[in-house]
Amino acid sequence: MNEIEHIYCTAREFMRKNGNPNQWEDDYPSKEIIKKDMKQGQLYVCVRNNRISGVFALTDGEDSTYRTIVQGEWKSARPYRTVHRLASAGTEKGIFAECIDYAKAVCRKEKKHLRMDTHEDNRIMRHLIEKAGFERCGIIFVADGTERTAYEYGEEIQYRNLVEEEIEVPLFAQFHRRQVVNRCLRNIDGAWCIREEPFIDEWSARDYQFLVACLKNTVRTGGLVCAAFCGGALKGFASVEGELFGTGREYLDLTSIHVSEDMRGCGIGKELFRHAAEWAGEHGAKKLYISSHSAVETQAFYAAMGCVDALELNEGHVNAEPFDRQLEYIL
């Protein structure tokens, strides 16, 4: 508590010295407000070198002071969280960005937007907020009737099919293929059993070069590469080969589906899978074929999508990846 109070005291003094004497009163936020934030589980701290270097409240649900906004409008009517009372000790750089990145990650998982406000005189904070990608929405009024500049941040996911010319290594600059695996499925005497086999699946520069070559070939030969973008950066992709196979020529091959480590749990994988399945159905397939990674989490994803063990095995996949589980999805 003493460290947090000291940080807020430092922040008040900093604001007064930098042209913003009116935003926080002498005792704001009070010890009672800090305790309330703690009790409600909405107080967060940023720790550097075993010391608290930043603090903020991340509230959930409607903020009463945001019901009325003038000189503009909110970006969205979607559910949101709000950042309040963000301050740093002033001894470390990058505290604001680290706190906001955490808040963004929480909202991303919950499919919510993020809002915050500050005094118009707080030029430094306004600069940091806008640099973090927030949109200025208008003016709101806090409990004492004074004005605050209101901001909102929301990450919208866009999906589109890629063309061969844009599939190059730099396209994946902000895609993080890293999966920490602890448990896998193994086929033992005809039954799938969970085994402890920890490893980290992470791609090298050479892996990305190979990936690009494969995806280019997929598009060139009539297949699909669909990608998910957030803030202009590629964060997920799926590929389906264009040639039907199997004894009844009823399968199309879902050769890849991956979501960047920082965007998992946001529904991107499900949307990419649905897009791939729809495309496959439109191109004559009755089933999707998946040679699937054996990690327990990956298997849970495919099970949730309705995939089952394949009735007909693709020997090429079986030989190339003997630990994969061969699945199919009926379209």
Protein backbone atom coordinates (compact mmCIF):
# COMPACT_ATOMS: atom_id res chain seq x y z
CA MET A 1 0.00 0.00 0.00
CA ASN A 2 2.79 2.46 0.87
CA GLU A 3 4.51 1.91 -2.50
CA ILE A 4 1.26 2.51 -4.37
CA GLU A 5 0.44 5.66 -2.40
CA HIS A 6 3.95 6.94 -3.07
CA ILE A 7 3.53 6.35 -6.83
CA TYR A 8 0.27 8.30 -6.87
CA CYS A 9 1.88 11.12 -4.86
CA THR A 10 4.74 11.23 -7.37
CA ALA A 11 2.24 11.32 -10.25
CA ARG A 12 0.30 14.21 -8.73
CA GLU A 13 3.47 16.23 -8.29
CA PHE A 14 4.57 15.44 -11.84
CA MET A 15 1.24 16.62 -13.25
CA ARG A 16 1.38 19.88 -11.31
CA LYS A 17 4.89 20.59 -12.61
CA ASN A 18 3.86 19.85 -16.19
CA GLY A 19 0.87 22.09 -16.66
CA ASN A 20 -1.87 19.82 -15.32
CA PRO A 21 -2.62 20.95 -11.74
CA ASN A 22 -6.36 20.26 -11.77
CA GLN A 23 -6.85 16.64 -12.81
CA TRP A 24 -6.13 14.98 -9.46
CA GLU A 25 -6.86 16.60 -6.11
CA ASP A 26 -4.28 16.48 -3.33
CA ASP A 27 -5.43 13.11 -2.03
CA TYR A 28 -6.69 11.49 -5.24
CA PRO A 29 -6.85 8.60 -5.47
CA SER A 30 -7.50 8.28 -1.75
CA LYS A 31 -6.53 5.29 0.35
CA GLU A 32 -10.21 4.30 0.37
CA ILE A 33 -10.33 4.25 -3.44
CA ILE A 34 -7.14 2.19 -3.60
CA LYS A 35 -8.52 -0.29 -1.07
CA LYS A 36 -11.78 -0.51 -3.01
CA ASP A 37 -9.87 -1.25 -6.22
CA MET A 38 -7.98 -3.98 -4.38
CA LYS A 39 -11.12 -5.47 -2.86
CA GLN A 40 -12.87 -5.57 -6.22
CA GLY A 41 -9.87 -7.22 -7.87
CA GLN A 42 -9.36 -4.39 -10.34
CA LEU A 43 -6.05 -2.95 -9.14
CA TYR A 44 -3.00 -4.00 -11.15
CA VAL A 45 0.68 -3.25 -10.67
CA CYS A 46 3.68 -3.32 -12.99
CA VAL A 47 6.74 -4.79 -11.28
CA ARG A 48 10.31 -4.09 -12.39
CA ASN A 49 13.36 -5.35 -10.48
CA ASN A 50 11.12 -6.56 -7.63
CA ARG A 51 9.68 -3.07 -7.15
CA ILE A 52 6.27 -1.69 -8.09
CA SER A 53 6.92 0.71 -10.95
CA GLY A 54 3.38 1.32 -12.16
CA VAL A 55 -0.22 0.98 -11.01
CA PHE A 56 -3.66 1.20 -12.63
CA ALA A 57 -7.26 0.15 -12.19
CA LEU A 58 -8.95 -1.91 -14.90
CA THR A 59 -12.69 -1.82 -14.35
CA ASP A 60 -15.28 -3.96 -16.08
CA GLY A 61 -18.77 -2.99 -17.20
CA GLU A 62 -20.50 0.31 -17.82
CA ASP A 63 -18.82 3.42 -16.44
CA SER A 64 -21.52 5.88 -15.33
CA THR A 65 -19.46 8.90 -16.43
CA TYR A 66 -19.36 7.52 -19.98
CA ARG A 67 -23.13 7.49 -20.51
CA THR A 68 -23.04 11.05 -21.83
CA ILE A 69 -20.47 12.10 -24.40
CA VAL A 70 -20.44 15.39 -26.33
CA GLN A 71 -18.47 16.72 -29.29
CA GLY A 72 -18.28 13.23 -30.69
CA GLU A 73 -19.40 9.68 -30.01
CA TRP A 74 -18.02 6.39 -28.79
CA LYS A 75 -16.39 4.18 -31.37
CA SER A 76 -18.60 1.20 -30.55
CA ALA A 77 -21.49 0.06 -28.39
CA ARG A 78 -19.66 -3.19 -27.63
CA PRO A 79 -18.93 -4.23 -24.02
CA TYR A 80 -15.79 -2.58 -22.68
CA ARG A 81 -13.33 -2.26 -19.84
CA THR A 82 -11.90 1.03 -18.62
CA VAL A 83 -8.42 2.05 -17.49
CA HIS A 84 -8.45 4.46 -14.55
CA ARG A 85 -5.80 5.90 -12.24
CA LEU A 86 -2.75 4.86 -14.27
CA ALA A 87 0.50 6.18 -12.81
CA SER A 88 4.17 5.30 -12.77
CA ALA A 89 6.94 5.79 -10.24
CA GLY A 90 8.87 7.79 -12.82
CA THR A 91 11.96 5.62 -12.47
CA GLU A 92 11.47 3.29 -15.45
CA LYS A 93 10.64 3.79 -19.12
CA GLY A 94 7.82 2.02 -20.91
CA ILE A 95 5.52 1.57 -17.89
CA PHE A 96 2.49 3.09 -19.62
CA ALA A 97 2.92 0.83 -22.66
CA GLU A 98 3.35 -2.27 -20.50
CA CYS A 99 0.21 -1.51 -18.48
CA ILE A 100 -1.86 -0.72 -21.54
CA ASP A 101 -0.61 -3.81 -23.38
CA TYR A 102 -1.81 -5.93 -20.47
CA ALA A 103 -5.21 -4.23 -20.48
CA LYS A 104 -5.47 -4.75 -24.24
CA ALA A 105 -4.67 -8.44 -23.83
CA VAL A 106 -7.45 -8.83 -21.26
CA CYS A 107 -9.94 -7.11 -23.56
CA ARG A 108 -8.76 -9.15 -26.52
CA LYS A 109 -9.49 -12.39 -24.69
CA GLU A 110 -12.92 -11.12 -23.65
CA LYS A 111 -13.71 -9.61 -27.08
CA LYS A 112 -14.21 -6.20 -25.49
CA HIS A 113 -13.10 -2.66 -26.27
CA LEU A 114 -10.95 -0.55 -23.96
CA ARG A 115 -11.76 3.00 -22.88
CA MET A 116 -9.99 5.66 -20.85
CA ASP A 117 -10.04 9.39 -20.31
CA THR A 118 -7.75 12.17 -19.19
CA HIS A 119 -7.72 15.91 -18.62
CA GLU A 120 -7.16 18.07 -21.69
CA ASP A 121 -4.23 19.71 -19.88
CA ASN A 122 -2.52 16.36 -19.49
CA ARG A 123 -0.61 16.65 -22.76
CA ILE A 124 1.85 13.89 -21.94
CA MET A 125 -0.89 11.37 -21.16
CA ARG A 126 -2.88 12.35 -24.25
CA HIS A 127 0.21 11.78 -26.38
CA LEU A 128 0.79 8.33 -24.84
CA ILE A 129 -2.85 7.32 -25.23
CA GLU A 130 -2.98 8.33 -28.87
CA LYS A 131 0.40 6.70 -29.55
CA ALA A 132 -1.07 3.45 -28.14
CA GLY A 133 -3.70 3.45 -30.87
CA PHE A 134 -6.69 4.88 -29.01
CA GLU A 135 -9.16 7.02 -30.93
CA ARG A 136 -10.26 10.35 -29.50
CA CYS A 137 -14.05 10.11 -29.22
CA GLY A 138 -15.25 13.29 -27.51
CA ILE A 139 -15.75 14.88 -24.10
CA ILE A 140 -17.20 13.23 -20.99
CA PHE A 141 -17.89 14.69 -17.56
CA VAL A 142 -16.62 13.18 -14.32
CA ALA A 143 -18.46 13.23 -10.98
CA ASP A 144 -17.50 16.83 -10.13
CA GLY A 145 -18.74 18.05 -13.51
CA THR A 146 -15.34 18.80 -15.04
CA GLU A 147 -14.47 17.74 -18.56
CA ARG A 148 -12.26 14.87 -19.64
CA THR A 149 -11.10 13.87 -23.10
CA ALA A 150 -12.43 10.38 -23.82
CA TYR A 151 -10.69 7.65 -25.81
CA GLU A 152 -11.52 4.17 -27.03
CA TYR A 153 -9.47 1.30 -28.40
CA GLY A 154 -10.85 -1.76 -30.14
CA GLU A 155 -9.19 -4.47 -32.16
CA GLU A 156 -11.31 -5.61 -35.06
CA ILE A 157 -10.24 -8.78 -36.86
CA GLN A 158 -10.41 -8.75 -40.65
CA TYR A 159 -10.37 -11.95 -42.69
CA ARG A 160 -9.47 -12.20 -46.35
CA ASN A 161 -7.99 -14.57 -48.89
CA LEU A 162 -4.38 -13.99 -49.87
CA VAL A 163 -2.97 -13.81 -53.37
CA GLU A 164 0.36 -15.37 -54.25
CA GLU A 165 2.21 -12.07 -54.73
CA GLU A 166 1.67 -10.89 -51.15
CA ILE A 167 2.81 -14.11 -49.49
CA GLU A 168 6.36 -13.22 -48.48
CA VAL A 169 8.35 -13.63 -45.26
CA PRO A 170 7.82 -9.98 -44.11
CA LEU A 171 4.06 -10.64 -44.06
CA PHE A 172 4.70 -12.80 -40.97
CA ALA A 173 6.80 -10.22 -39.11
CA GLN A 174 4.25 -9.94 -36.27
CA PHE A 175 3.13 -13.56 -36.32
CA HIS A 176 4.50 -15.61 -33.41
CA ARG A 177 4.40 -19.35 -33.98
CA ARG A 178 5.28 -20.57 -30.50
CA GLN A 179 3.46 -23.35 -28.71
CA VAL A 180 4.53 -24.72 -25.34
CA VAL A 181 3.44 -28.35 -25.29
CA ASN A 182 3.38 -30.52 -22.17
CA ARG A 183 0.96 -33.31 -23.02
CA CYS A 184 0.34 -35.10 -26.31
CA LEU A 185 -1.90 -37.84 -27.61
CA ARG A 186 -0.23 -41.07 -28.64
CA ASN A 187 -1.85 -44.04 -30.35
CA ILE A 188 -1.09 -47.02 -28.16
CA ASP A 189 -2.53 -50.37 -29.23
CA GLY A 190 -5.25 -48.63 -31.19
CA ALA A 191 -6.32 -46.21 -28.43
CA TRP A 192 -5.42 -42.53 -28.09
CA CYS A 193 -3.72 -41.93 -24.74
CA ILE A 194 -2.35 -38.78 -23.12
CA ARG A 195 1.37 -38.81 -22.47
CA GLU A 196 3.68 -36.27 -20.82
CA GLU A 197 6.04 -35.23 -23.62
CA PRO A 198 7.03 -31.58 -23.09
CA PHE A 199 8.56 -29.56 -25.90
CA ILE A 200 8.34 -26.10 -27.47
CA ASP A 201 7.18 -25.81 -31.05
CA GLU A 202 8.71 -22.65 -32.49
CA TRP A 203 9.56 -21.73 -36.07
CA SER A 204 12.97 -20.63 -37.28
CA ALA A 205 13.74 -18.24 -40.13
CA ARG A 206 14.18 -21.26 -42.40
CA ASP A 207 10.78 -22.59 -41.32
CA TYR A 208 9.14 -19.32 -42.37
CA GLN A 209 10.86 -19.49 -45.74
CA PHE A 210 9.55 -23.02 -46.22
CA LEU A 211 6.08 -21.92 -45.11
CA VAL A 212 6.03 -19.11 -47.68
CA ALA A 213 7.02 -21.52 -50.44
CA CYS A 214 4.26 -23.93 -49.43
CA LEU A 215 1.56 -21.27 -49.20
CA LYS A 216 2.55 -19.76 -52.54
CA ASN A 217 2.25 -23.20 -54.09
CA THR A 218 -1.17 -23.69 -52.49
CA VAL A 219 -2.53 -20.54 -54.13
CA ARG A 220 -0.74 -21.22 -57.42
CA THR A 221 -2.33 -24.67 -57.69
CA GLY A 222 -5.87 -23.50 -57.03
CA GLY A 223 -6.04 -23.76 -53.26
CA LEU A 224 -7.00 -21.34 -50.51
CA VAL A 225 -4.90 -19.31 -48.10
CA CYS A 226 -7.11 -17.28 -45.77
CA ALA A 227 -5.57 -14.90 -43.24
CA ALA A 228 -6.70 -12.98 -40.18
CA PHE A 229 -5.40 -9.44 -39.67
CA CYS A 230 -5.48 -7.27 -36.55
CA GLY A 231 -4.30 -3.69 -36.82
CA GLY A 232 -2.90 -4.48 -40.25
CA ALA A 233 -0.72 -7.34 -38.95
CA LEU A 234 -1.23 -10.97 -39.92
CA LYS A 235 -2.22 -12.93 -36.81
CA GLY A 236 -3.57 -16.19 -38.19
CA PHE A 237 -3.94 -18.19 -41.39
CA ALA A 238 -5.35 -21.40 -42.81
CA SER A 239 -4.66 -23.20 -46.07
CA VAL A 240 -6.65 -25.74 -48.07
CA GLU A 241 -5.19 -27.53 -51.07
CA GLY A 242 -7.20 -27.39 -54.29
CA GLU A 243 -7.04 -31.01 -55.44
CA LEU A 244 -9.69 -33.52 -54.34
CA PHE A 245 -8.40 -36.91 -53.17
CA GLY A 246 -9.53 -40.19 -51.64
CA THR A 247 -11.23 -43.20 -53.20
CA GLY A 248 -14.39 -41.21 -53.74
CA ARG A 249 -12.56 -37.92 -54.36
CA GLU A 250 -14.45 -36.38 -51.46
CA TYR A 251 -11.58 -34.89 -49.41
CA LEU A 252 -9.80 -31.55 -49.56
CA ASP A 253 -6.70 -31.17 -47.42
CA LEU A 254 -6.57 -28.56 -44.62
CA THR A 255 -2.80 -28.35 -44.67
CA SER A 256 -2.37 -25.61 -42.08
CA ILE A 257 -4.23 -23.55 -39.53
CA HIS A 258 -2.25 -21.41 -37.10
CA VAL A 259 -2.91 -18.46 -34.79
CA SER A 260 -0.19 -16.17 -33.43
CA GLU A 261 0.67 -16.88 -29.80
CA ASP A 262 -0.46 -13.42 -28.66
CA MET A 263 -3.92 -13.78 -30.25
CA ARG A 264 -4.98 -17.25 -29.17
CA GLY A 265 -8.25 -17.58 -27.34
CA CYS A 266 -9.91 -14.81 -29.38
CA GLY A 267 -11.91 -17.04 -31.74
CA ILE A 268 -9.59 -16.54 -34.73
CA GLY A 269 -8.92 -20.25 -35.16
CA LYS A 270 -12.63 -21.08 -35.19
CA GLU A 271 -13.36 -18.41 -37.78
CA LEU A 272 -10.49 -19.54 -40.00
CA PHE A 273 -11.69 -23.13 -39.75
CA ARG A 274 -15.24 -22.16 -40.69
CA HIS A 275 -13.94 -20.15 -43.65
CA ALA A 276 -11.81 -23.10 -44.81
CA ALA A 277 -14.72 -25.52 -44.47
CA GLU A 278 -17.06 -23.24 -46.41
CA TRP A 279 -14.52 -22.82 -49.20
CA ALA A 280 -13.92 -26.58 -49.38
CA GLY A 281 -17.64 -27.26 -49.68
CA GLU A 282 -17.95 -24.72 -52.47
CA HIS A 283 -15.11 -26.49 -54.33
CA GLY A 284 -16.62 -29.96 -54.42
CA ALA A 285 -15.44 -31.53 -51.17
CA LYS A 286 -17.63 -33.51 -48.81
CA LYS A 287 -14.98 -33.63 -46.10
CA LEU A 288 -11.95 -31.73 -44.87
CA TYR A 289 -8.89 -33.85 -44.13
CA ILE A 290 -6.61 -32.78 -41.25
CA SER A 291 -3.26 -34.27 -40.30
CA SER A 292 -3.42 -32.74 -36.84
CA HIS A 293 -0.74 -31.85 -34.28
CA SER A 294 -0.90 -34.22 -31.33
CA ALA A 295 -0.82 -31.57 -28.55
CA VAL A 296 -3.76 -31.95 -26.16
CA GLU A 297 -4.79 -28.31 -26.72
CA THR A 298 -4.76 -28.74 -30.50
CA GLN A 299 -6.82 -31.92 -30.26
CA ALA A 300 -9.33 -30.13 -28.01
CA PHE A 301 -9.74 -27.44 -30.67
CA TYR A 302 -10.47 -29.92 -33.44
CA ALA A 303 -12.86 -31.88 -31.23
CA ALA A 304 -14.74 -28.66 -30.43
CA MET A 305 -15.04 -27.98 -34.17
CA GLY A 306 -16.61 -31.42 -34.70
CA CYS A 307 -13.67 -33.29 -36.23
CA VAL A 308 -13.43 -37.08 -35.87
CA ASP A 309 -10.89 -39.74 -36.77
CA ALA A 310 -10.55 -40.04 -40.54
CA LEU A 311 -12.22 -43.07 -42.13
CA GLU A 312 -9.66 -43.04 -44.94
CA LEU A 313 -5.99 -42.31 -44.23
CA ASN A 314 -3.73 -40.23 -46.43
CA GLU A 315 -0.56 -42.28 -46.47
CA GLY A 316 1.55 -39.28 -47.43
CA HIS A 317 0.57 -37.50 -44.20
CA VAL A 318 0.89 -40.65 -42.10
CA ASN A 319 4.43 -41.25 -43.33
CA ALA A 320 5.50 -37.60 -43.08
CA GLU A 321 4.11 -37.03 -39.56
CA PRO A 322 3.72 -40.38 -37.78
CA PHE A 323 2.71 -38.75 -34.49
CA ASP A 324 -0.09 -36.69 -36.05
CA ARG A 325 -3.71 -37.72 -35.57
CA GLN A 326 -5.51 -38.08 -38.90
CA LEU A 327 -8.92 -36.39 -38.70
CA GLU A 328 -11.79 -35.47 -40.95
CA TYR A 329 -14.58 -32.92 -40.82
CA ILE A 330 -17.83 -33.65 -42.59
CA LEU A 331 -19.04 -30.64 -44.57
